[in-house]
Protein backbone atom coordinates (compact mmCIF):
# COMPACT_ATOMS: atom_id res chain seq x y z
CA UNK A 1 107.10 111.99 75.76
CA UNK A 2 109.64 114.70 75.15
CA UNK A 3 109.02 117.86 73.13
CA UNK A 4 110.89 116.26 70.26
CA UNK A 5 108.59 113.27 70.20
CA UNK A 6 107.58 112.18 66.69
CA UNK A 7 104.13 111.45 68.10
CA UNK A 8 101.86 114.52 67.89
CA UNK A 9 99.90 115.77 70.88
CA UNK A 10 96.22 115.24 70.17
CA UNK A 11 93.01 116.23 71.96
CA UNK A 12 92.74 112.70 73.33
CA UNK A 13 96.43 112.20 74.21
CA UNK A 14 97.12 111.05 77.77
CA UNK A 15 99.22 113.14 80.15
CA UNK A 16 101.14 110.05 81.24
CA UNK A 17 101.34 106.42 80.12
CA UNK A 18 99.05 105.06 82.85
CA UNK A 19 96.32 107.71 82.79
CA UNK A 20 92.85 106.13 82.95
CA UNK A 21 91.02 108.65 80.80
CA UNK A 22 87.81 107.40 79.18
CA UNK A 23 88.17 108.84 75.67
CA UNK A 24 91.84 107.85 75.45
CA UNK A 25 91.17 104.29 76.62
CA UNK A 26 88.24 103.99 74.21
CA UNK A 27 90.25 105.22 71.21
CA UNK A 28 93.31 103.07 71.89
CA UNK A 29 91.19 99.97 72.56
CA UNK A 30 89.20 100.38 69.34
CA UNK A 31 92.34 100.92 67.27
CA UNK A 32 94.01 97.86 68.82
CA UNK A 33 90.93 95.83 67.90
CA UNK A 34 91.10 97.06 64.31
CA UNK A 35 94.82 96.28 64.12
CA UNK A 36 94.06 92.76 65.34
CA UNK A 37 91.41 92.41 62.64
CA UNK A 38 93.93 93.68 60.08
CA UNK A 39 96.45 91.04 61.18
CA UNK A 40 93.74 88.41 60.75
CA UNK A 41 92.86 89.66 57.27
CA UNK A 42 96.50 89.42 56.21
CA UNK A 43 96.60 85.83 57.41
CA UNK A 44 93.37 84.99 55.58
CA UNK A 45 94.60 86.66 52.38
CA UNK A 46 97.49 84.18 52.37
CA UNK A 47 99.66 86.41 50.19
CA UNK A 48 102.58 86.58 52.58
CA UNK A 49 103.05 87.23 56.28
CA UNK A 50 104.17 90.51 57.85
CA UNK A 51 107.96 91.04 57.97
CA UNK A 52 108.17 90.25 61.68
CA UNK A 53 106.19 87.05 61.22
CA UNK A 54 108.64 86.06 58.47
CA UNK A 55 111.46 86.73 60.93
CA UNK A 56 109.70 84.64 63.58
CA UNK A 57 109.24 81.78 61.12
CA UNK A 58 112.89 81.88 60.12
CA UNK A 59 114.12 81.93 63.71
CA UNK A 60 111.76 79.09 64.63
CA UNK A 61 113.20 76.99 61.79
CA UNK A 62 116.80 77.67 62.78
CA UNK A 63 116.32 77.05 66.51
CA UNK A 64 113.77 74.25 66.12
CA UNK A 65 111.22 76.01 68.33
CA UNK A 66 107.54 76.86 67.90
CA UNK A 67 106.60 80.07 66.13
CA UNK A 68 104.86 81.25 69.30
CA UNK A 69 108.08 80.83 71.26
CA UNK A 70 109.95 82.57 68.47
CA UNK A 71 107.56 85.56 68.53
CA UNK A 72 107.93 85.84 72.31
CA UNK A 73 111.73 85.62 72.08
CA UNK A 74 111.94 88.30 69.40
CA UNK A 75 109.58 90.58 71.35
CA UNK A 76 111.79 90.18 74.42
CA UNK A 77 114.92 91.06 72.44
CA UNK A 78 113.21 94.11 70.92
CA UNK A 79 112.16 95.24 74.40
CA UNK A 80 115.80 94.99 75.49
CA UNK A 81 116.61 97.37 72.63
CA UNK A 82 114.38 99.91 74.38
CA UNK A 83 116.93 100.27 77.19
CA UNK A 84 119.41 102.58 75.39
CA UNK A 85 116.49 104.82 74.41
CA UNK A 86 115.14 104.95 78.00
CA UNK A 87 111.66 103.94 76.87
CA UNK A 88 109.02 102.86 79.38
CA UNK A 89 106.11 100.47 79.37
CA UNK A 90 102.62 101.88 79.50
CA UNK A 91 99.01 100.82 79.45
CA UNK A 92 99.19 100.83 75.66
CA UNK A 93 101.99 98.25 75.78
CA UNK A 94 99.75 95.83 77.67
CA UNK A 95 96.72 96.51 75.46
CA UNK A 96 98.91 95.99 72.39
CA UNK A 97 99.87 92.51 73.55
CA UNK A 98 96.40 91.47 74.70
CA UNK A 99 93.89 92.97 72.25
CA UNK A 100 95.78 92.53 68.99
CA UNK A 101 96.44 88.84 69.63
CA UNK A 102 92.83 88.23 70.72
CA UNK A 103 91.19 89.89 67.72
CA UNK A 104 93.65 88.39 65.26
CA UNK A 105 92.57 84.99 66.54
CA UNK A 106 88.86 85.87 66.42
CA UNK A 107 89.14 87.23 62.87
CA UNK A 108 90.84 84.10 61.58
CA UNK A 109 88.36 81.90 63.41
CA UNK A 110 85.12 83.53 62.28
CA UNK A 111 85.84 85.04 58.86
CA UNK A 112 85.95 82.79 55.82
CA UNK A 113 89.16 82.63 53.83
CA UNK A 114 88.67 84.35 50.45
CA UNK A 115 88.86 82.08 47.42
CA UNK A 116 89.37 84.46 44.51
CA UNK A 117 92.56 86.42 43.92
CA UNK A 118 90.55 89.64 43.79
CA UNK A 119 89.18 89.11 47.29
CA UNK A 120 92.56 88.02 48.64
CA UNK A 121 94.20 91.18 47.28
CA UNK A 122 91.31 93.24 48.69
CA UNK A 123 91.85 91.70 52.14
CA UNK A 124 95.56 92.49 51.88
CA UNK A 125 95.14 96.13 50.85
CA UNK A 126 92.43 96.85 53.42
CA UNK A 127 94.49 95.17 56.14
CA UNK A 128 97.65 97.18 55.43
CA UNK A 129 95.66 100.42 55.30
CA UNK A 130 93.93 99.68 58.62
CA UNK A 131 97.22 98.63 60.19
CA UNK A 132 99.00 101.86 59.25
CA UNK A 133 96.18 104.17 60.27
CA UNK A 134 95.51 102.21 63.45
CA UNK A 135 99.15 102.30 64.51
CA UNK A 136 99.29 106.09 64.17
CA UNK A 137 96.03 106.60 66.07
CA UNK A 138 96.96 104.30 68.97
CA UNK A 139 100.41 105.88 69.30
CA UNK A 140 98.79 109.33 69.39
CA UNK A 141 97.06 108.28 72.61
CA UNK A 142 100.52 108.39 74.25
CA UNK A 143 99.83 105.45 76.56
CA UNK A 144 102.94 103.56 75.51
CA UNK A 145 103.77 101.42 72.51
CA UNK A 146 104.16 97.80 71.56
CA UNK A 147 107.72 96.42 71.22
CA UNK A 148 108.28 97.26 67.53
CA UNK A 149 106.49 100.60 67.62
CA UNK A 150 108.44 101.57 70.73
CA UNK A 151 111.72 100.81 68.99
CA UNK A 152 110.61 102.99 66.08
CA UNK A 153 109.74 105.88 68.39
CA UNK A 154 113.01 105.49 70.30
CA UNK A 155 115.12 105.71 67.14
CA UNK A 156 113.14 108.74 65.95
CA UNK A 157 113.64 110.46 69.31
CA UNK A 158 117.36 109.73 69.42
CA UNK A 159 118.29 110.65 65.87
CA UNK A 160 115.49 112.97 64.77
CA UNK A 161 114.63 110.83 61.74
CA UNK A 162 111.17 110.67 60.20
CA UNK A 163 108.87 107.83 61.19
CA UNK A 164 108.34 106.89 57.54
CA UNK A 165 112.07 106.26 57.06
CA UNK A 166 112.72 104.56 60.40
CA UNK A 167 109.75 102.20 60.17
CA UNK A 168 110.60 101.25 56.59
CA UNK A 169 114.19 100.45 57.57
CA UNK A 170 113.01 98.36 60.53
CA UNK A 171 110.46 96.39 58.51
CA UNK A 172 112.78 95.79 55.54
CA UNK A 173 115.55 94.65 57.91
CA UNK A 174 113.24 92.23 59.71
CA UNK A 175 112.02 90.91 56.37
CA UNK A 176 115.53 90.44 54.97
CA UNK A 177 116.81 88.62 58.05
CA UNK A 178 113.69 86.45 58.15
CA UNK A 179 114.12 85.44 54.52
CA UNK A 180 117.79 84.61 55.10
CA UNK A 181 116.75 82.41 58.03
CA UNK A 182 114.26 80.54 55.86
CA UNK A 183 110.98 82.34 56.56
CA UNK A 184 108.35 82.40 53.83
CA UNK A 185 107.27 85.67 52.26
CA UNK A 186 105.00 87.02 49.55
CA UNK A 187 103.66 90.20 48.01
CA UNK A 188 101.96 91.19 51.31
CA UNK A 189 105.32 91.03 53.07
CA UNK A 190 107.02 93.35 50.61
CA UNK A 191 104.10 95.78 50.34
CA UNK A 192 103.74 95.95 54.11
CA UNK A 193 107.47 96.59 54.61
CA UNK A 194 107.68 99.49 52.17
CA UNK A 195 104.33 101.15 52.90
CA UNK A 196 103.54 100.88 56.61
CA UNK A 197 105.92 103.64 57.71
CA UNK A 198 104.54 106.05 55.14
CA UNK A 199 100.95 105.26 56.14
CA UNK A 200 101.80 106.05 59.76
CA UNK A 201 103.50 109.30 58.76
CA UNK A 202 100.61 110.40 56.52
CA UNK A 203 98.06 109.59 59.22
CA UNK A 204 100.01 111.65 61.76
CA UNK A 205 99.99 114.58 59.32
CA UNK A 206 96.21 114.24 58.94
CA UNK A 207 95.69 114.05 62.71
CA UNK A 208 97.86 117.12 63.30
CA UNK A 209 95.88 119.10 60.72
CA UNK A 210 92.44 118.30 62.09
CA UNK A 211 92.72 117.03 65.68
CA UNK A 212 95.86 118.47 67.26
CA UNK A 213 95.55 119.72 70.84
CA UNK A 214 95.61 123.49 71.23
């Protein structure tokens, strides 16, 4: 990462994106697991998908393809958008793809779907909070990002904008396009879109205050 990176340098940050350092690998793996659980909780809450899932649903409807194919296609396109920003894959990119998907599936499979509105809203709020904090922590490991997070970092690096603003613009744009394409959305979708960037930014501020490398 460059000196202008929006991602702070922490005590556990890797020196390069393929460094096999125990504490860094442990932290990024645990946060990926928690993000996967958060994704599962959002699905179980059934109050609306994440903005990018809405986009995937809409594209799947328009192209008459499966949602899995749609997710893969969108991820590929987003990775192509990395090229102008000269971003590179890292170990974190691979862990993002593998661990989040695995633990999303396990969460949905083994946790019961909440029946009351109170519990559904609780699942939603906890999930969004975990997702925001987890994203900031895993990015602070500096082992590379997932497709969407990488795009966010690239835009911040290029234009010097705050993560909170960039991520909100990305999520709201994905949500809007997904809705126009016919994807279904709910309160979770809207809340996620407008809050996730700020949660990441606030978590970075907390990490810098208490855990920044010296």
